[in-house]
Amino acid sequence: LALEEEDTAFFMDFLQTLLVGDPEELYSGP
């Protein structure tokens, strides 16, 4: 249901960082 591939890539990177990263990785990454 994600509209654009770039949005999907961002969202998946965001989810991956939430699941296995630390909060600071959110701000330096996605």
PDB file of all heavy atoms in Angstrom:
ATOM      1  N   LEU A   1       0.806  -1.213   0.000  1.00  0.00           N
ATOM      2  CA  LEU A   1       0.000   0.000   0.000  1.00  0.00           C
ATOM      3  C   LEU A   1       0.839   1.264   0.000  1.00  0.00           C
ATOM      4  O   LEU A   1       0.300   2.358  -0.118  1.00  0.00           O
ATOM      5  CB  LEU A   1      -0.958  -0.002   1.204  1.00  0.00           C
ATOM      6  CG  LEU A   1      -1.992  -1.124   1.190  1.00  0.00           C
ATOM      7  CD1 LEU A   1      -2.841  -1.063   2.448  1.00  0.00           C
ATOM      8  CD2 LEU A   1      -2.873  -1.052  -0.039  1.00  0.00           C
ATOM      9  N   ALA A   2       2.156   1.125   0.150  1.00  0.00           N
ATOM     10  CA  ALA A   2       3.034   2.296   0.061  1.00  0.00           C
ATOM     11  C   ALA A   2       3.021   2.778  -1.380  1.00  0.00           C
ATOM     12  O   ALA A   2       3.057   1.986  -2.313  1.00  0.00           O
ATOM     13  CB  ALA A   2       4.437   1.929   0.502  1.00  0.00           C
ATOM     14  N   LEU A   3       2.952   4.079  -1.585  1.00  0.00           N
ATOM     15  CA  LEU A   3       2.755   4.610  -2.919  1.00  0.00           C
ATOM     16  C   LEU A   3       4.008   4.644  -3.771  1.00  0.00           C
ATOM     17  O   LEU A   3       3.943   4.387  -4.959  1.00  0.00           O
ATOM     18  CB  LEU A   3       2.143   6.013  -2.827  1.00  0.00           C
ATOM     19  CG  LEU A   3       0.769   6.088  -2.187  1.00  0.00           C
ATOM     20  CD1 LEU A   3       0.319   7.532  -2.084  1.00  0.00           C
ATOM     21  CD2 LEU A   3      -0.242   5.286  -2.976  1.00  0.00           C
ATOM     22  N   GLU A   4       5.129   4.955  -3.207  1.00  0.00           N
ATOM     23  CA  GLU A   4       6.337   5.102  -4.005  1.00  0.00           C
ATOM     24  C   GLU A   4       7.449   4.240  -3.443  1.00  0.00           C
ATOM     25  O   GLU A   4       7.548   4.031  -2.237  1.00  0.00           O
ATOM     26  CB  GLU A   4       6.776   6.566  -4.029  1.00  0.00           C
ATOM     27  CG  GLU A   4       5.781   7.457  -4.733  1.00  0.00           C
ATOM     28  CD  GLU A   4       6.312   8.873  -4.897  1.00  0.00           C
ATOM     29  OE1 GLU A   4       7.547   9.043  -4.960  1.00  0.00           O
ATOM     30  OE2 GLU A   4       5.489   9.778  -4.965  1.00  0.00           O
ATOM     31  N   GLU A   5       8.302   3.759  -4.343  1.00  0.00           N
ATOM     32  CA  GLU A   5       9.407   2.895  -3.938  1.00  0.00           C
ATOM     33  C   GLU A   5      10.335   3.593  -2.950  1.00  0.00           C
ATOM     34  O   GLU A   5      10.797   2.992  -1.986  1.00  0.00           O
ATOM     35  CB  GLU A   5      10.184   2.466  -5.181  1.00  0.00           C
ATOM     36  CG  GLU A   5      11.146   1.341  -4.920  1.00  0.00           C
ATOM     37  CD  GLU A   5      11.722   0.786  -6.195  1.00  0.00           C
ATOM     38  OE1 GLU A   5      10.956   0.460  -7.112  1.00  0.00           O
ATOM     39  OE2 GLU A   5      12.959   0.685  -6.243  1.00  0.00           O
ATOM     40  N   GLU A   6      10.595   4.876  -3.158  1.00  0.00           N
ATOM     41  CA  GLU A   6      11.468   5.618  -2.250  1.00  0.00           C
ATOM     42  C   GLU A   6      10.860   5.696  -0.855  1.00  0.00           C
ATOM     43  O   GLU A   6      11.557   5.548   0.144  1.00  0.00           O
ATOM     44  CB  GLU A   6      11.715   7.029  -2.791  1.00  0.00           C
ATOM     45  CG  GLU A   6      12.717   7.814  -1.975  1.00  0.00           C
ATOM     46  CD  GLU A   6      12.991   9.182  -2.580  1.00  0.00           C
ATOM     47  OE1 GLU A   6      13.208   9.265  -3.800  1.00  0.00           O
ATOM     48  OE2 GLU A   6      12.977  10.148  -1.810  1.00  0.00           O
ATOM     49  N   ASP A   7       9.541   5.915  -0.793  1.00  0.00           N
ATOM     50  CA  ASP A   7       8.862   5.940   0.499  1.00  0.00           C
ATOM     51  C   ASP A   7       8.959   4.580   1.186  1.00  0.00           C
ATOM     52  O   ASP A   7       9.167   4.505   2.396  1.00  0.00           O
ATOM     53  CB  ASP A   7       7.393   6.320   0.330  1.00  0.00           C
ATOM     54  CG  ASP A   7       7.201   7.748  -0.104  1.00  0.00           C
ATOM     55  OD1 ASP A   7       8.124   8.569   0.085  1.00  0.00           O
ATOM     56  OD2 ASP A   7       6.125   8.058  -0.655  1.00  0.00           O
ATOM     57  N   THR A   8       8.818   3.515   0.404  1.00  0.00           N
ATOM     58  CA  THR A   8       8.908   2.169   0.958  1.00  0.00           C
ATOM     59  C   THR A   8      10.311   1.914   1.501  1.00  0.00           C
ATOM     60  O   THR A   8      10.469   1.370   2.590  1.00  0.00           O
ATOM     61  CB  THR A   8       8.551   1.117  -0.105  1.00  0.00           C
ATOM     62  OG1 THR A   8       7.230   1.382  -0.579  1.00  0.00           O
ATOM     63  CG2 THR A   8       8.601  -0.284   0.461  1.00  0.00           C
ATOM     64  N   ALA A   9      11.328   2.324   0.748  1.00  0.00           N
ATOM     65  CA  ALA A   9      12.712   2.127   1.189  1.00  0.00           C
ATOM     66  C   ALA A   9      12.975   2.897   2.481  1.00  0.00           C
ATOM     67  O   ALA A   9      13.594   2.371   3.411  1.00  0.00           O
ATOM     68  CB  ALA A   9      13.686   2.565   0.105  1.00  0.00           C
ATOM     69  N   PHE A  10      12.493   4.142   2.541  1.00  0.00           N
ATOM     70  CA  PHE A  10      12.655   4.936   3.766  1.00  0.00           C
ATOM     71  C   PHE A  10      11.970   4.239   4.935  1.00  0.00           C
ATOM     72  O   PHE A  10      12.541   4.091   6.017  1.00  0.00           O
ATOM     73  CB  PHE A  10      12.058   6.337   3.591  1.00  0.00           C
ATOM     74  CG  PHE A  10      11.887   7.053   4.900  1.00  0.00           C
ATOM     75  CD1 PHE A  10      12.957   7.699   5.506  1.00  0.00           C
ATOM     76  CD2 PHE A  10      10.663   7.044   5.563  1.00  0.00           C
ATOM     77  CE1 PHE A  10      12.813   8.328   6.729  1.00  0.00           C
ATOM     78  CE2 PHE A  10      10.512   7.675   6.787  1.00  0.00           C
ATOM     79  CZ  PHE A  10      11.585   8.319   7.366  1.00  0.00           C
ATOM     80  N   PHE A  11      10.747   3.810   4.703  1.00  0.00           N
ATOM     81  CA  PHE A  11       9.966   3.200   5.768  1.00  0.00           C
ATOM     82  C   PHE A  11      10.627   1.927   6.276  1.00  0.00           C
ATOM     83  O   PHE A  11      10.714   1.697   7.486  1.00  0.00           O
ATOM     84  CB  PHE A  11       8.541   2.909   5.273  1.00  0.00           C
ATOM     85  CG  PHE A  11       7.655   2.366   6.333  1.00  0.00           C
ATOM     86  CD1 PHE A  11       7.230   3.168   7.377  1.00  0.00           C
ATOM     87  CD2 PHE A  11       7.261   1.045   6.315  1.00  0.00           C
ATOM     88  CE1 PHE A  11       6.414   2.665   8.377  1.00  0.00           C
ATOM     89  CE2 PHE A  11       6.450   0.542   7.313  1.00  0.00           C
ATOM     90  CZ  PHE A  11       6.026   1.337   8.336  1.00  0.00           C
ATOM     91  N   MET A  12      11.144   1.102   5.375  1.00  0.00           N
ATOM     92  CA  MET A  12      11.775  -0.138   5.793  1.00  0.00           C
ATOM     93  C   MET A  12      13.071   0.140   6.560  1.00  0.00           C
ATOM     94  O   MET A  12      13.361  -0.527   7.548  1.00  0.00           O
ATOM     95  CB  MET A  12      12.029  -1.039   4.586  1.00  0.00           C
ATOM     96  CG  MET A  12      10.737  -1.512   3.902  1.00  0.00           C
ATOM     97  SD  MET A  12       9.484  -2.186   5.018  1.00  0.00           S
ATOM     98  CE  MET A  12      10.311  -3.620   5.633  1.00  0.00           C
ATOM     99  N   ASP A  13      13.828   1.137   6.122  1.00  0.00           N
ATOM    100  CA  ASP A  13      15.047   1.527   6.840  1.00  0.00           C
ATOM    101  C   ASP A  13      14.688   2.043   8.233  1.00  0.00           C
ATOM    102  O   ASP A  13      15.340   1.716   9.228  1.00  0.00           O
ATOM    103  CB  ASP A  13      15.807   2.586   6.037  1.00  0.00           C
ATOM    104  CG  ASP A  13      17.185   2.886   6.595  1.00  0.00           C
ATOM    105  OD1 ASP A  13      17.790   1.998   7.231  1.00  0.00           O
ATOM    106  OD2 ASP A  13      17.671   4.013   6.380  1.00  0.00           O
ATOM    107  N   PHE A  14      13.627   2.829   8.294  1.00  0.00           N
ATOM    108  CA  PHE A  14      13.144   3.369   9.563  1.00  0.00           C
ATOM    109  C   PHE A  14      12.739   2.229  10.502  1.00  0.00           C
ATOM    110  O   PHE A  14      13.145   2.196  11.672  1.00  0.00           O
ATOM    111  CB  PHE A  14      11.969   4.310   9.292  1.00  0.00           C
ATOM    112  CG  PHE A  14      11.379   4.942  10.511  1.00  0.00           C
ATOM    113  CD1 PHE A  14      12.029   5.982  11.148  1.00  0.00           C
ATOM    114  CD2 PHE A  14      10.161   4.512  11.008  1.00  0.00           C
ATOM    115  CE1 PHE A  14      11.476   6.586  12.280  1.00  0.00           C
ATOM    116  CE2 PHE A  14       9.605   5.099  12.128  1.00  0.00           C
ATOM    117  CZ  PHE A  14      10.260   6.140  12.761  1.00  0.00           C
ATOM    118  N   LEU A  15      11.959   1.272   9.993  1.00  0.00           N
ATOM    119  CA  LEU A  15      11.528   0.139  10.817  1.00  0.00           C
ATOM    120  C   LEU A  15      12.708  -0.692  11.292  1.00  0.00           C
ATOM    121  O   LEU A  15      12.781  -1.090  12.452  1.00  0.00           O
ATOM    122  CB  LEU A  15      10.577  -0.764  10.021  1.00  0.00           C
ATOM    123  CG  LEU A  15       9.124  -0.401  10.005  1.00  0.00           C
ATOM    124  CD1 LEU A  15       8.350  -1.414   9.158  1.00  0.00           C
ATOM    125  CD2 LEU A  15       8.539  -0.336  11.398  1.00  0.00           C
ATOM    126  N   GLN A  16      13.633  -0.956  10.375  1.00  0.00           N
ATOM    127  CA  GLN A  16      14.800  -1.753  10.732  1.00  0.00           C
ATOM    128  C   GLN A  16      15.596  -1.070  11.849  1.00  0.00           C
ATOM    129  O   GLN A  16      16.029  -1.715  12.797  1.00  0.00           O
ATOM    130  CB  GLN A  16      15.680  -1.972   9.509  1.00  0.00           C
ATOM    131  CG  GLN A  16      16.887  -2.838   9.777  1.00  0.00           C
ATOM    132  CD  GLN A  16      17.682  -3.116   8.510  1.00  0.00           C
ATOM    133  OE1 GLN A  16      17.353  -2.644   7.436  1.00  0.00           O
ATOM    134  NE2 GLN A  16      18.725  -3.893   8.650  1.00  0.00           N
ATOM    135  N   THR A  17      15.758   0.228  11.732  1.00  0.00           N
ATOM    136  CA  THR A  17      16.498   0.968  12.757  1.00  0.00           C
ATOM    137  C   THR A  17      15.744   0.955  14.081  1.00  0.00           C
ATOM    138  O   THR A  17      16.346   0.804  15.144  1.00  0.00           O
ATOM    139  CB  THR A  17      16.777   2.411  12.292  1.00  0.00           C
ATOM    140  OG1 THR A  17      17.453   2.361  11.035  1.00  0.00           O
ATOM    141  CG2 THR A  17      17.643   3.155  13.291  1.00  0.00           C
ATOM    142  N   LEU A  18      14.420   1.088  14.037  1.00  0.00           N
ATOM    143  CA  LEU A  18      13.632   1.015  15.269  1.00  0.00           C
ATOM    144  C   LEU A  18      13.776  -0.347  15.941  1.00  0.00           C
ATOM    145  O   LEU A  18      13.874  -0.442  17.158  1.00  0.00           O
ATOM    146  CB  LEU A  18      12.153   1.272  14.984  1.00  0.00           C
ATOM    147  CG  LEU A  18      11.683   2.707  14.944  1.00  0.00           C
ATOM    148  CD1 LEU A  18      10.213   2.761  14.522  1.00  0.00           C
ATOM    149  CD2 LEU A  18      11.865   3.408  16.268  1.00  0.00           C
ATOM    150  N   LEU A  19      13.800  -1.393  15.143  1.00  0.00           N
ATOM    151  CA  LEU A  19      13.848  -2.734  15.715  1.00  0.00           C
ATOM    152  C   LEU A  19      15.217  -3.121  16.254  1.00  0.00           C
ATOM    153  O   LEU A  19      15.308  -3.753  17.301  1.00  0.00           O
ATOM    154  CB  LEU A  19      13.400  -3.771  14.677  1.00  0.00           C
ATOM    155  CG  LEU A  19      11.906  -3.800  14.400  1.00  0.00           C
ATOM    156  CD1 LEU A  19      11.620  -4.679  13.192  1.00  0.00           C
ATOM    157  CD2 LEU A  19      11.138  -4.308  15.611  1.00  0.00           C
ATOM    158  N   VAL A  20      16.276  -2.773  15.546  1.00  0.00           N
ATOM    159  CA  VAL A  20      17.584  -3.291  15.936  1.00  0.00           C
ATOM    160  C   VAL A  20      18.641  -2.211  16.153  1.00  0.00           C
ATOM    161  O   VAL A  20      19.766  -2.528  16.539  1.00  0.00           O
ATOM    162  CB  VAL A  20      18.110  -4.333  14.918  1.00  0.00           C
ATOM    163  CG1 VAL A  20      17.212  -5.542  14.873  1.00  0.00           C
ATOM    164  CG2 VAL A  20      18.254  -3.730  13.535  1.00  0.00           C
ATOM    165  N   GLY A  21      18.319  -0.961  15.908  1.00  0.00           N
ATOM    166  CA  GLY A  21      19.292   0.114  16.086  1.00  0.00           C
ATOM    167  C   GLY A  21      19.100   0.831  17.409  1.00  0.00           C
ATOM    168  O   GLY A  21      18.354   0.394  18.269  1.00  0.00           O
ATOM    169  N   ASP A  22      19.794   1.954  17.548  1.00  0.00           N
ATOM    170  CA  ASP A  22      19.581   2.785  18.729  1.00  0.00           C
ATOM    171  C   ASP A  22      18.963   4.112  18.277  1.00  0.00           C
ATOM    172  O   ASP A  22      18.999   4.425  17.085  1.00  0.00           O
ATOM    173  CB  ASP A  22      20.876   2.992  19.526  1.00  0.00           C
ATOM    174  CG  ASP A  22      21.939   3.734  18.754  1.00  0.00           C
ATOM    175  OD1 ASP A  22      21.669   4.859  18.295  1.00  0.00           O
ATOM    176  OD2 ASP A  22      23.057   3.199  18.643  1.00  0.00           O
ATOM    177  N   PRO A  23      18.385   4.870  19.198  1.00  0.00           N
ATOM    178  CA  PRO A  23      17.684   6.102  18.796  1.00  0.00           C
ATOM    179  C   PRO A  23      18.538   7.062  17.970  1.00  0.00           C
ATOM    180  O   PRO A  23      18.053   7.662  17.017  1.00  0.00           O
ATOM    181  CB  PRO A  23      17.270   6.734  20.127  1.00  0.00           C
ATOM    182  CG  PRO A  23      17.149   5.576  21.063  1.00  0.00           C
ATOM    183  CD  PRO A  23      18.231   4.624  20.636  1.00  0.00           C
ATOM    184  N   GLU A  24      19.816   7.182  18.294  1.00  0.00           N
ATOM    185  CA  GLU A  24      20.666   8.115  17.544  1.00  0.00           C
ATOM    186  C   GLU A  24      20.847   7.686  16.088  1.00  0.00           C
ATOM    187  O   GLU A  24      21.044   8.516  15.211  1.00  0.00           O
ATOM    188  CB  GLU A  24      22.016   8.298  18.233  1.00  0.00           C
ATOM    189  CG  GLU A  24      21.925   9.163  19.479  1.00  0.00           C
ATOM    190  CD  GLU A  24      21.238  10.504  19.234  1.00  0.00           C
ATOM    191  OE1 GLU A  24      21.600  11.210  18.276  1.00  0.00           O
ATOM    192  OE2 GLU A  24      20.333  10.844  20.015  1.00  0.00           O
ATOM    193  N   GLU A  25      20.766   6.382  15.832  1.00  0.00           N
ATOM    194  CA  GLU A  25      20.878   5.891  14.457  1.00  0.00           C
ATOM    195  C   GLU A  25      19.692   6.351  13.605  1.00  0.00           C
ATOM    196  O   GLU A  25      19.816   6.465  12.388  1.00  0.00           O
ATOM    197  CB  GLU A  25      20.979   4.371  14.425  1.00  0.00           C
ATOM    198  CG  GLU A  25      22.312   3.843  14.897  1.00  0.00           C
ATOM    199  CD  GLU A  25      22.373   2.332  14.873  1.00  0.00           C
ATOM    200  OE1 GLU A  25      21.795   1.714  15.789  1.00  0.00           O
ATOM    201  OE2 GLU A  25      22.986   1.786  13.943  1.00  0.00           O
ATOM    202  N   LEU A  26      18.564   6.601  14.242  1.00  0.00           N
ATOM    203  CA  LEU A  26      17.412   7.129  13.507  1.00  0.00           C
ATOM    204  C   LEU A  26      17.746   8.497  12.906  1.00  0.00           C
ATOM    205  O   LEU A  26      17.396   8.795  11.772  1.00  0.00           O
ATOM    206  CB  LEU A  26      16.193   7.272  14.415  1.00  0.00           C
ATOM    207  CG  LEU A  26      15.481   5.995  14.828  1.00  0.00           C
ATOM    208  CD1 LEU A  26      14.461   6.303  15.918  1.00  0.00           C
ATOM    209  CD2 LEU A  26      14.815   5.355  13.631  1.00  0.00           C
ATOM    210  N   TYR A  27      18.447   9.309  13.702  1.00  0.00           N
ATOM    211  CA  TYR A  27      18.718  10.689  13.278  1.00  0.00           C
ATOM    212  C   TYR A  27      19.907  10.784  12.334  1.00  0.00           C
ATOM    213  O   TYR A  27      19.974  11.703  11.517  1.00  0.00           O
ATOM    214  CB  TYR A  27      18.936  11.578  14.502  1.00  0.00           C
ATOM    215  CG  TYR A  27      17.813  11.409  15.499  1.00  0.00           C
ATOM    216  CD1 TYR A  27      18.043  10.904  16.768  1.00  0.00           C
ATOM    217  CD2 TYR A  27      16.498  11.697  15.143  1.00  0.00           C
ATOM    218  CE1 TYR A  27      17.003  10.716  17.664  1.00  0.00           C
ATOM    219  CE2 TYR A  27      15.448  11.507  16.037  1.00  0.00           C
ATOM    220  CZ  TYR A  27      15.716  11.013  17.284  1.00  0.00           C
ATOM    221  OH  TYR A  27      14.687  10.822  18.159  1.00  0.00           O
ATOM    222  N   SER A  28      20.822   9.824  12.410  1.00  0.00           N
ATOM    223  CA  SER A  28      21.945   9.834  11.471  1.00  0.00           C
ATOM    224  C   SER A  28      21.633   9.017  10.228  1.00  0.00           C
ATOM    225  O   SER A  28      22.348   9.099   9.239  1.00  0.00           O
ATOM    226  CB  SER A  28      23.210   9.287  12.151  1.00  0.00           C
ATOM    227  OG  SER A  28      23.040   7.929  12.509  1.00  0.00           O
ATOM    228  N   GLY A  29      20.555   8.235  10.284  1.00  0.00           N
ATOM    229  CA  GLY A  29      20.171   7.386   9.159  1.00  0.00           C
ATOM    230  C   GLY A  29      18.921   7.885   8.463  1.00  0.00           C
ATOM    231  O   GLY A  29      18.938   8.921   7.791  1.00  0.00           O
ATOM    232  N   PRO A  30      17.808   7.173   8.646  1.00  0.00           N
ATOM    233  CA  PRO A  30      16.598   7.472   7.874  1.00  0.00           C
ATOM    234  C   PRO A  30      16.040   8.887   8.071  1.00  0.00           C
ATOM    235  O   PRO A  30      15.438   9.443   7.161  1.00  0.00           O
ATOM    236  CB  PRO A  30      15.592   6.417   8.318  1.00  0.00           C
ATOM    237  CG  PRO A  30      16.163   5.755   9.502  1.00  0.00           C
ATOM    238  CD  PRO A  30      17.626   6.025   9.522  1.00  0.00           C
TER     239      PRO A  30
END
